[in-house]
C-alpha atoms as a PDB file:
ATOM      1  CA  UNK A   1     221.083 198.974 115.119  1.00  0.00           C
ATOM      2  CA  UNK A   2     221.078 195.667 117.222  1.00  0.00           C
ATOM      3  CA  UNK A   3     222.044 192.516 115.119  1.00  0.00           C
ATOM      4  CA  UNK A   4     221.785 188.986 116.559  1.00  0.00           C
ATOM      5  CA  UNK A   5     225.735 188.358 115.696  1.00  0.00           C
ATOM      6  CA  UNK A   6     227.394 188.015 119.076  1.00  0.00           C
ATOM      7  CA  UNK A   7     230.714 189.704 118.786  1.00  0.00           C
ATOM      8  CA  UNK A   8     232.052 186.211 118.698  1.00  0.00           C
ATOM      9  CA  UNK A   9     230.825 185.204 115.244  1.00  0.00           C
ATOM     10  CA  UNK A  10     231.294 188.659 114.033  1.00  0.00           C
ATOM     11  CA  UNK A  11     234.836 187.706 115.007  1.00  0.00           C
ATOM     12  CA  UNK A  12     234.164 184.533 112.576  1.00  0.00           C
ATOM     13  CA  UNK A  13     232.557 186.636 109.618  1.00  0.00           C
ATOM     14  CA  UNK A  14     235.424 188.651 109.205  1.00  0.00           C
ATOM     15  CA  UNK A  15     238.073 186.159 109.415  1.00  0.00           C
ATOM     16  CA  UNK A  16     236.456 185.193 105.776  1.00  0.00           C
ATOM     17  CA  UNK A  17     238.479 188.214 104.533  1.00  0.00           C
ATOM     18  CA  UNK A  18     241.963 185.845 106.053  1.00  0.00           C
ATOM     19  CA  UNK A  19     239.999 183.358 103.485  1.00  0.00           C
ATOM     20  CA  UNK A  20     239.467 184.776 100.592  1.00  0.00           C
ATOM     21  CA  UNK A  21     241.715 187.655  98.186  1.00  0.00           C
ATOM     22  CA  UNK A  22     238.926 189.935  97.086  1.00  0.00           C
ATOM     23  CA  UNK A  23     236.758 190.494  99.977  1.00  0.00           C
ATOM     24  CA  UNK A  24     236.757 193.859 102.162  1.00  0.00           C
ATOM     25  CA  UNK A  25     235.292 195.176 105.245  1.00  0.00           C
ATOM     26  CA  UNK A  26     232.243 193.758 107.632  1.00  0.00           C
ATOM     27  CA  UNK A  27     228.431 194.118 107.725  1.00  0.00           C
ATOM     28  CA  UNK A  28     226.689 192.299 110.286  1.00  0.00           C
ATOM     29  CA  UNK A  29     222.807 192.328 109.973  1.00  0.00           C
ATOM     30  CA  UNK A  30     221.110 194.888 112.059  1.00  0.00           C
ATOM     31  CA  UNK A  31     217.677 196.173 112.786  1.00  0.00           C
ATOM     32  CA  UNK A  32     215.220 195.369 114.859  1.00  0.00           C
ATOM     33  CA  UNK A  33     215.049 191.809 117.337  1.00  0.00           C
ATOM     34  CA  UNK A  34     211.563 191.779 116.445  1.00  0.00           C
ATOM     35  CA  UNK A  35     210.839 193.458 112.436  1.00  0.00           C
ATOM     36  CA  UNK A  36     207.313 193.562 110.452  1.00  0.00           C
ATOM     37  CA  UNK A  37     209.905 191.475 107.918  1.00  0.00           C
ATOM     38  CA  UNK A  38     213.600 190.261 107.429  1.00  0.00           C
ATOM     39  CA  UNK A  39     215.240 191.338 103.889  1.00  0.00           C
ATOM     40  CA  UNK A  40     217.384 189.223 102.480  1.00  0.00           C
ATOM     41  CA  UNK A  41     219.921 190.879  99.665  1.00  0.00           C
ATOM     42  CA  UNK A  42     223.569 189.489  98.116  1.00  0.00           C
ATOM     43  CA  UNK A  43     226.033 191.743  99.828  1.00  0.00           C
ATOM     44  CA  UNK A  44     227.386 194.763 101.191  1.00  0.00           C
ATOM     45  CA  UNK A  45     228.983 197.274  98.591  1.00  0.00           C
ATOM     46  CA  UNK A  46     231.832 200.201  98.836  1.00  0.00           C
ATOM     47  CA  UNK A  47     230.048 202.341 101.089  1.00  0.00           C
ATOM     48  CA  UNK A  48     228.853 199.624 103.546  1.00  0.00           C
ATOM     49  CA  UNK A  49     232.306 198.011 103.637  1.00  0.00           C
ATOM     50  CA  UNK A  50     233.121 201.359 104.766  1.00  0.00           C
ATOM     51  CA  UNK A  51     230.857 202.065 107.471  1.00  0.00           C
ATOM     52  CA  UNK A  52     229.613 198.737 108.499  1.00  0.00           C
ATOM     53  CA  UNK A  53     226.615 199.043 107.556  1.00  0.00           C
ATOM     54  CA  UNK A  54     223.852 198.198 105.116  1.00  0.00           C
ATOM     55  CA  UNK A  55     222.657 200.118 102.326  1.00  0.00           C
ATOM     56  CA  UNK A  56     223.923 203.373 102.495  1.00  0.00           C
ATOM     57  CA  UNK A  57     225.142 203.917  98.938  1.00  0.00           C
ATOM     58  CA  UNK A  58     222.710 204.546  96.315  1.00  0.00           C
ATOM     59  CA  UNK A  59     220.793 200.979  96.658  1.00  0.00           C
ATOM     60  CA  UNK A  60     219.815 202.374 100.336  1.00  0.00           C
ATOM     61  CA  UNK A  61     217.527 205.734  99.194  1.00  0.00           C
ATOM     62  CA  UNK A  62     216.051 203.443  96.814  1.00  0.00           C
ATOM     63  CA  UNK A  63     215.429 201.024  99.906  1.00  0.00           C
ATOM     64  CA  UNK A  64     214.440 203.718 102.022  1.00  0.00           C
ATOM     65  CA  UNK A  65     211.594 204.836  99.187  1.00  0.00           C
ATOM     66  CA  UNK A  66     210.608 201.280  99.438  1.00  0.00           C
ATOM     67  CA  UNK A  67     209.984 201.243 103.488  1.00  0.00           C
ATOM     68  CA  UNK A  68     207.812 204.612 103.474  1.00  0.00           C
ATOM     69  CA  UNK A  69     206.194 202.642 101.341  1.00  0.00           C
ATOM     70  CA  UNK A  70     205.561 199.808 103.406  1.00  0.00           C
ATOM     71  CA  UNK A  71     204.840 202.191 105.820  1.00  0.00           C
ATOM     72  CA  UNK A  72     207.641 201.247 107.947  1.00  0.00           C
ATOM     73  CA  UNK A  73     211.727 202.741 108.704  1.00  0.00           C
ATOM     74  CA  UNK A  74     214.948 201.224 109.162  1.00  0.00           C
ATOM     75  CA  UNK A  75     214.645 200.724 113.180  1.00  0.00           C
ATOM     76  CA  UNK A  76     210.899 198.135 112.712  1.00  0.00           C
ATOM     77  CA  UNK A  77     212.793 195.737 109.936  1.00  0.00           C
ATOM     78  CA  UNK A  78     215.764 193.403 110.017  1.00  0.00           C
ATOM     79  CA  UNK A  79     218.758 194.180 106.982  1.00  0.00           C
ATOM     80  CA  UNK A  80     221.000 191.393 105.891  1.00  0.00           C
ATOM     81  CA  UNK A  81     221.839 189.597 103.241  1.00  0.00           C
ATOM     82  CA  UNK A  82     224.088 186.190 102.002  1.00  0.00           C
ATOM     83  CA  UNK A  83     227.441 187.427 102.150  1.00  0.00           C
ATOM     84  CA  UNK A  84     228.740 190.714 105.084  1.00  0.00           C
ATOM     85  CA  UNK A  85     231.568 191.842 103.016  1.00  0.00           C
ATOM     86  CA  UNK A  86     232.304 193.271  99.686  1.00  0.00           C
ATOM     87  CA  UNK A  87     233.097 190.890  96.731  1.00  0.00           C
ATOM     88  CA  UNK A  88     235.379 193.172  94.636  1.00  0.00           C
ATOM     89  CA  UNK A  89     237.784 192.129  91.195  1.00  0.00           C
ATOM     90  CA  UNK A  90     239.804 194.785  90.278  1.00  0.00           C
ATOM     91  CA  UNK A  91     239.997 197.155  86.890  1.00  0.00           C
ATOM     92  CA  UNK A  92     241.923 197.319  84.260  1.00  0.00           C
ATOM     93  CA  UNK A  93     243.679 200.269  86.173  1.00  0.00           C
ATOM     94  CA  UNK A  94     243.994 198.611  89.266  1.00  0.00           C
ATOM     95  CA  UNK A  95     240.251 199.917  90.636  1.00  0.00           C
ATOM     96  CA  UNK A  96     238.238 197.974  92.761  1.00  0.00           C
ATOM     97  CA  UNK A  97     234.827 196.418  91.263  1.00  0.00           C
ATOM     98  CA  UNK A  98     231.673 194.999  92.974  1.00  0.00           C
ATOM     99  CA  UNK A  99     230.824 191.175  91.415  1.00  0.00           C
ATOM    100  CA  UNK A 100     228.847 188.735  92.717  1.00  0.00           C
ATOM    101  CA  UNK A 101     230.014 186.458  95.628  1.00  0.00           C
ATOM    102  CA  UNK A 102     231.635 183.140  94.479  1.00  0.00           C
ATOM    103  CA  UNK A 103     229.301 179.892  95.774  1.00  0.00           C
ATOM    104  CA  UNK A 104     231.878 179.312  98.167  1.00  0.00           C
ATOM    105  CA  UNK A 105     231.514 182.947  99.521  1.00  0.00           C
ATOM    106  CA  UNK A 106     228.437 181.968  99.929  1.00  0.00           C
ATOM    107  CA  UNK A 107     228.507 178.700 101.725  1.00  0.00           C
ATOM    108  CA  UNK A 108     231.032 180.482 103.845  1.00  0.00           C
ATOM    109  CA  UNK A 109     229.055 183.073 105.282  1.00  0.00           C
ATOM    110  CA  UNK A 110     226.426 180.845 104.920  1.00  0.00           C
ATOM    111  CA  UNK A 111     226.453 179.866 108.741  1.00  0.00           C
ATOM    112  CA  UNK A 112     226.095 183.476 109.794  1.00  0.00           C
ATOM    113  CA  UNK A 113     222.895 183.807 108.039  1.00  0.00           C
ATOM    114  CA  UNK A 114     221.349 180.785 109.140  1.00  0.00           C
ATOM    115  CA  UNK A 115     221.709 182.002 113.452  1.00  0.00           C
ATOM    116  CA  UNK A 116     220.183 185.423 112.853  1.00  0.00           C
ATOM    117  CA  UNK A 117     216.889 183.811 110.202  1.00  0.00           C
ATOM    118  CA  UNK A 118     217.288 180.564 113.089  1.00  0.00           C
ATOM    119  CA  UNK A 119     215.737 183.821 115.487  1.00  0.00           C
ATOM    120  CA  UNK A 120     213.095 184.488 113.417  1.00  0.00           C
ATOM    121  CA  UNK A 121     211.020 181.727 112.349  1.00  0.00           C
ATOM    122  CA  UNK A 122     207.467 183.275 112.577  1.00  0.00           C
ATOM    123  CA  UNK A 123     208.775 187.068 110.053  1.00  0.00           C
ATOM    124  CA  UNK A 124     208.455 186.989 106.982  1.00  0.00           C
ATOM    125  CA  UNK A 125     211.481 186.902 104.650  1.00  0.00           C
ATOM    126  CA  UNK A 126     212.572 189.441 102.021  1.00  0.00           C
ATOM    127  CA  UNK A 127     214.530 188.260  99.956  1.00  0.00           C
ATOM    128  CA  UNK A 128     216.350 190.695  97.187  1.00  0.00           C
ATOM    129  CA  UNK A 129     216.916 189.799  93.872  1.00  0.00           C
ATOM    130  CA  UNK A 130     218.657 186.629  92.704  1.00  0.00           C
ATOM    131  CA  UNK A 131     221.786 186.044  95.062  1.00  0.00           C
ATOM    132  CA  UNK A 132     219.377 186.790  98.226  1.00  0.00           C
ATOM    133  CA  UNK A 133     216.743 184.965  97.100  1.00  0.00           C
ATOM    134  CA  UNK A 134     219.074 181.747  95.574  1.00  0.00           C
ATOM    135  CA  UNK A 135     220.815 181.455  99.048  1.00  0.00           C
ATOM    136  CA  UNK A 136     217.189 180.747 100.650  1.00  0.00           C
ATOM    137  CA  UNK A 137     215.603 178.552  97.360  1.00  0.00           C
ATOM    138  CA  UNK A 138     218.826 177.323  95.172  1.00  0.00           C
ATOM    139  CA  UNK A 139     219.562 178.514  92.242  1.00  0.00           C
ATOM    140  CA  UNK A 140     217.090 177.244  89.936  1.00  0.00           C
ATOM    141  CA  UNK A 141     214.540 179.739  91.627  1.00  0.00           C
ATOM    142  CA  UNK A 142     214.617 182.907  89.830  1.00  0.00           C
ATOM    143  CA  UNK A 143     213.397 186.654  90.627  1.00  0.00           C
ATOM    144  CA  UNK A 144     211.563 187.217  87.635  1.00  0.00           C
ATOM    145  CA  UNK A 145     209.361 183.735  88.346  1.00  0.00           C
ATOM    146  CA  UNK A 146     208.818 184.754  91.519  1.00  0.00           C
ATOM    147  CA  UNK A 147     208.859 188.396  92.483  1.00  0.00           C
ATOM    148  CA  UNK A 148     205.633 189.903  94.451  1.00  0.00           C
ATOM    149  CA  UNK A 149     204.372 186.191  95.710  1.00  0.00           C
ATOM    150  CA  UNK A 150     203.663 184.836  98.596  1.00  0.00           C
ATOM    151  CA  UNK A 151     205.833 181.958  98.946  1.00  0.00           C
ATOM    152  CA  UNK A 152     205.767 179.287 102.155  1.00  0.00           C
ATOM    153  CA  UNK A 153     208.457 176.624 102.034  1.00  0.00           C
ATOM    154  CA  UNK A 154     211.767 175.533 103.481  1.00  0.00           C
ATOM    155  CA  UNK A 155     214.572 177.327 102.599  1.00  0.00           C
ATOM    156  CA  UNK A 156     218.566 176.497 102.616  1.00  0.00           C
ATOM    157  CA  UNK A 157     221.089 176.194 105.797  1.00  0.00           C
ATOM    158  CA  UNK A 158     224.009 175.220 105.572  1.00  0.00           C
ATOM    159  CA  UNK A 159     225.422 171.157 107.153  1.00  0.00           C
ATOM    160  CA  UNK A 160     228.762 171.580 108.548  1.00  0.00           C
ATOM    161  CA  UNK A 161     229.084 167.893 108.713  1.00  0.00           C
ATOM    162  CA  UNK A 162     227.847 167.483 105.409  1.00  0.00           C
ATOM    163  CA  UNK A 163     229.387 170.352 103.910  1.00  0.00           C
ATOM    164  CA  UNK A 164     226.469 171.556 101.523  1.00  0.00           C
ATOM    165  CA  UNK A 165     223.112 173.062 102.400  1.00  0.00           C
ATOM    166  CA  UNK A 166     219.980 170.810 102.970  1.00  0.00           C
ATOM    167  CA  UNK A 167     216.342 172.168 103.657  1.00  0.00           C
ATOM    168  CA  UNK A 168     215.181 173.135 106.770  1.00  0.00           C
ATOM    169  CA  UNK A 169     212.585 170.927 108.664  1.00  0.00           C
ATOM    170  CA  UNK A 170     209.942 174.073 109.060  1.00  0.00           C
ATOM    171  CA  UNK A 171     208.351 176.209 106.853  1.00  0.00           C
ATOM    172  CA  UNK A 172     209.228 180.287 106.264  1.00  0.00           C
ATOM    173  CA  UNK A 173     207.181 182.555 104.594  1.00  0.00           C
ATOM    174  CA  UNK A 174     208.933 184.420 101.774  1.00  0.00           C
ATOM    175  CA  UNK A 175     208.158 187.536  99.316  1.00  0.00           C
ATOM    176  CA  UNK A 176     211.013 188.065  96.425  1.00  0.00           C
ATOM    177  CA  UNK A 177     211.287 191.397  95.526  1.00  0.00           C
ATOM    178  CA  UNK A 178     214.507 193.057  92.692  1.00  0.00           C
ATOM    179  CA  UNK A 179     216.854 194.146  94.463  1.00  0.00           C
ATOM    180  CA  UNK A 180     217.134 197.850  94.657  1.00  0.00           C
ATOM    181  CA  UNK A 181     219.581 198.481  92.633  1.00  0.00           C
ATOM    182  CA  UNK A 182     218.027 196.867  89.963  1.00  0.00           C
ATOM    183  CA  UNK A 183     215.156 198.886  90.192  1.00  0.00           C
ATOM    184  CA  UNK A 184     217.093 202.206  90.524  1.00  0.00           C
ATOM    185  CA  UNK A 185     219.108 201.330  87.656  1.00  0.00           C
ATOM    186  CA  UNK A 186     216.460 199.782  85.038  1.00  0.00           C
ATOM    187  CA  UNK A 187     213.353 202.549  85.422  1.00  0.00           C
ATOM    188  CA  UNK A 188     211.055 200.331  83.117  1.00  0.00           C
ATOM    189  CA  UNK A 189     210.684 198.269  86.078  1.00  0.00           C
ATOM    190  CA  UNK A 190     209.344 200.429  88.509  1.00  0.00           C
ATOM    191  CA  UNK A 191     206.090 199.950  88.106  1.00  0.00           C
ATOM    192  CA  UNK A 192     206.589 196.244  88.535  1.00  0.00           C
ATOM    193  CA  UNK A 193     208.488 197.138  92.022  1.00  0.00           C
ATOM    194  CA  UNK A 194     205.508 199.311  93.279  1.00  0.00           C
ATOM    195  CA  UNK A 195     203.172 196.930  92.441  1.00  0.00           C
ATOM    196  CA  UNK A 196     205.024 193.784  93.708  1.00  0.00           C
ATOM    197  CA  UNK A 197     205.771 196.343  97.060  1.00  0.00           C
ATOM    198  CA  UNK A 198     201.557 197.433  97.072  1.00  0.00           C
ATOM    199  CA  UNK A 199     200.950 193.604  97.613  1.00  0.00           C
ATOM    200  CA  UNK A 200     203.718 193.174 100.253  1.00  0.00           C
ATOM    201  CA  UNK A 201     202.152 196.276 102.263  1.00  0.00           C
ATOM    202  CA  UNK A 202     198.522 194.112 102.152  1.00  0.00           C
ATOM    203  CA  UNK A 203     200.171 191.364 103.642  1.00  0.00           C
ATOM    204  CA  UNK A 204     201.496 193.483 106.236  1.00  0.00           C
ATOM    205  CA  UNK A 205     198.504 195.106 107.160  1.00  0.00           C
ATOM    206  CA  UNK A 206     196.974 191.839 107.550  1.00  0.00           C
ATOM    207  CA  UNK A 207     199.023 190.757 110.040  1.00  0.00           C
ATOM    208  CA  UNK A 208     198.634 193.858 112.383  1.00  0.00           C
END
């Protein structure tokens, strides 16, 4: 799979492992450079951190089902995320457990996602879950309120000079979905997810 991130940019991403204590592995964005859509998730999990590719664990199987419903394969989309290394915490027995990335980790990882999305200004963005969504639209936006809706608006990008997020001067099209791991764990949400996928397929089909 191909990535928009150069070797130098990937090295910069890996350097964050020395900046934060509880991150491991590195997973660059990957897929088509002319994708039908761009999926923006939260962060890698255990399996992804080990193999260096996105959505390789149980959530990956659910994602593959989603792509099949959309008439797509992984080679036709671009998979990326808010954070590129696995955020973890140590449990009572010393085992590593996944956790949500911190605002500092998201900010430090932001230039990697920015450089990818700047090269895809006309592509449909599909944020997966709250973390992917809020990385793009801000912390006040909830996936439960906007899932399955086509949005057209600026997104957040990191200003190195001001050390804060700012809105882009151009609009992006977004179609938020619940995260595959959420629908895998909570089966009651599946009818909603399937309806959202059907709506997304209509949008994709209308673009052909």
